[in-house]
Every structure is written in structure tokens, then in C-alpha cells.
Amino acid sequence: MVNERTPEPAQPRSAAAVCSRCGTTADGLPVTWTCSVENGTRLYFRDTCARDHLRSIESRVDSAWW
């Protein structure tokens, strides 16, 4: 059985969030952004980037392949 939990906590809402795809920053963590854990690292994607790559995200393809 694969344990997909990551020991690092979710990003606090007060910290700046950076989209791992395009580099866009936002104050806090917008509720429309998506979180992905790849190789034990938590990545955040803004809503537009997530929508553009939704099939890859749902297929659990690492963002390096997008």
C-alpha cells in the first residue's frame, strides 16, 4: 500500500503562494488553487494552470511531463 501523506504541513493562508507552473504569486493561498504532492514535495498550481493540465493532474502525471 502506498502512503501518499507528506510530513510537511499545508501552506499557511498568510504566506505568499507561488504557482509551480508559471511562477505567479498570490497573497495567501487562494481557495481556487490546486495542491499536488510530487516526489514528497508539495506543489501549488493556480486555477488557470490547473485547468490547462487537468487531465494530467487527474492521471497523476508529474508536472515535469506537462
Protein backbone atom coordinates (compact mmCIF):
# COMPACT_ATOMS: atom_id res chain seq x y z
CA MET A 1 0.00 0.00 0.00
CA VAL A 2 1.34 3.42 -0.95
CA ASN A 3 1.26 6.10 1.73
CA GLU A 4 0.62 9.42 -0.02
CA ARG A 5 0.84 11.54 3.10
CA THR A 6 3.56 14.12 3.28
CA PRO A 7 5.11 15.19 6.58
CA GLU A 8 5.19 18.88 5.68
CA PRO A 9 2.13 20.89 6.74
CA ALA A 10 -0.13 22.65 4.27
CA GLN A 11 0.97 26.16 3.43
CA PRO A 12 -0.43 28.72 5.87
CA ARG A 13 -3.00 31.05 4.31
CA SER A 14 -0.99 34.10 5.38
CA ALA A 15 2.13 33.09 3.42
CA ALA A 16 2.60 34.03 -0.23
CA ALA A 17 1.76 31.21 -2.65
CA VAL A 18 3.74 30.63 -5.84
CA CYS A 19 2.37 28.67 -8.79
CA SER A 20 4.81 25.85 -9.55
CA ARG A 21 3.92 26.01 -13.24
CA CYS A 22 4.04 29.70 -14.20
CA GLY A 23 5.53 31.41 -11.14
CA THR A 24 2.52 33.65 -10.43
CA THR A 25 2.41 34.75 -6.79
CA ALA A 26 -0.61 35.43 -4.61
CA ASP A 27 -1.07 36.74 -1.08
CA GLY A 28 -2.12 33.75 0.96
CA LEU A 29 -3.28 30.53 -0.66
CA PRO A 30 -6.34 31.13 -2.87
CA VAL A 31 -9.07 28.51 -2.48
CA THR A 32 -9.15 28.08 -6.28
CA TRP A 33 -5.55 26.83 -6.45
CA THR A 34 -4.69 23.11 -6.61
CA CYS A 35 -2.16 21.30 -4.44
CA SER A 36 -0.17 18.32 -5.70
CA VAL A 37 2.44 16.19 -3.91
CA GLU A 38 5.18 15.02 -6.28
CA ASN A 39 8.18 13.08 -5.02
CA GLY A 40 7.32 14.13 -1.47
CA THR A 41 7.21 17.84 -2.34
CA ARG A 42 4.03 19.88 -2.08
CA LEU A 43 3.40 21.98 -5.21
CA TYR A 44 0.69 24.58 -5.80
CA PHE A 45 -0.88 25.47 -9.17
CA ARG A 46 -3.11 28.45 -9.86
CA ASP A 47 -6.57 27.75 -11.22
CA THR A 48 -5.72 28.61 -14.84
CA CYS A 49 -2.64 26.36 -14.92
CA ALA A 50 -4.55 23.56 -13.21
CA ARG A 51 -7.42 23.80 -15.72
CA ASP A 52 -4.99 23.74 -18.66
CA HIS A 53 -3.47 20.48 -17.36
CA LEU A 54 -6.47 18.89 -15.65
CA ARG A 55 -6.20 15.53 -17.44
CA SER A 56 -2.54 15.21 -16.46
CA ILE A 57 -3.32 16.10 -12.84
CA GLU A 58 -6.16 13.58 -12.66
CA SER A 59 -3.92 10.94 -14.25
CA ARG A 60 -1.32 11.73 -11.57
CA VAL A 61 1.31 12.60 -14.18
CA ASP A 62 4.12 14.63 -12.60
CA SER A 63 4.17 18.27 -13.69
CA ALA A 64 7.60 17.77 -15.27
CA TRP A 65 5.78 15.90 -18.08
CA TRP A 66 3.33 18.71 -18.86
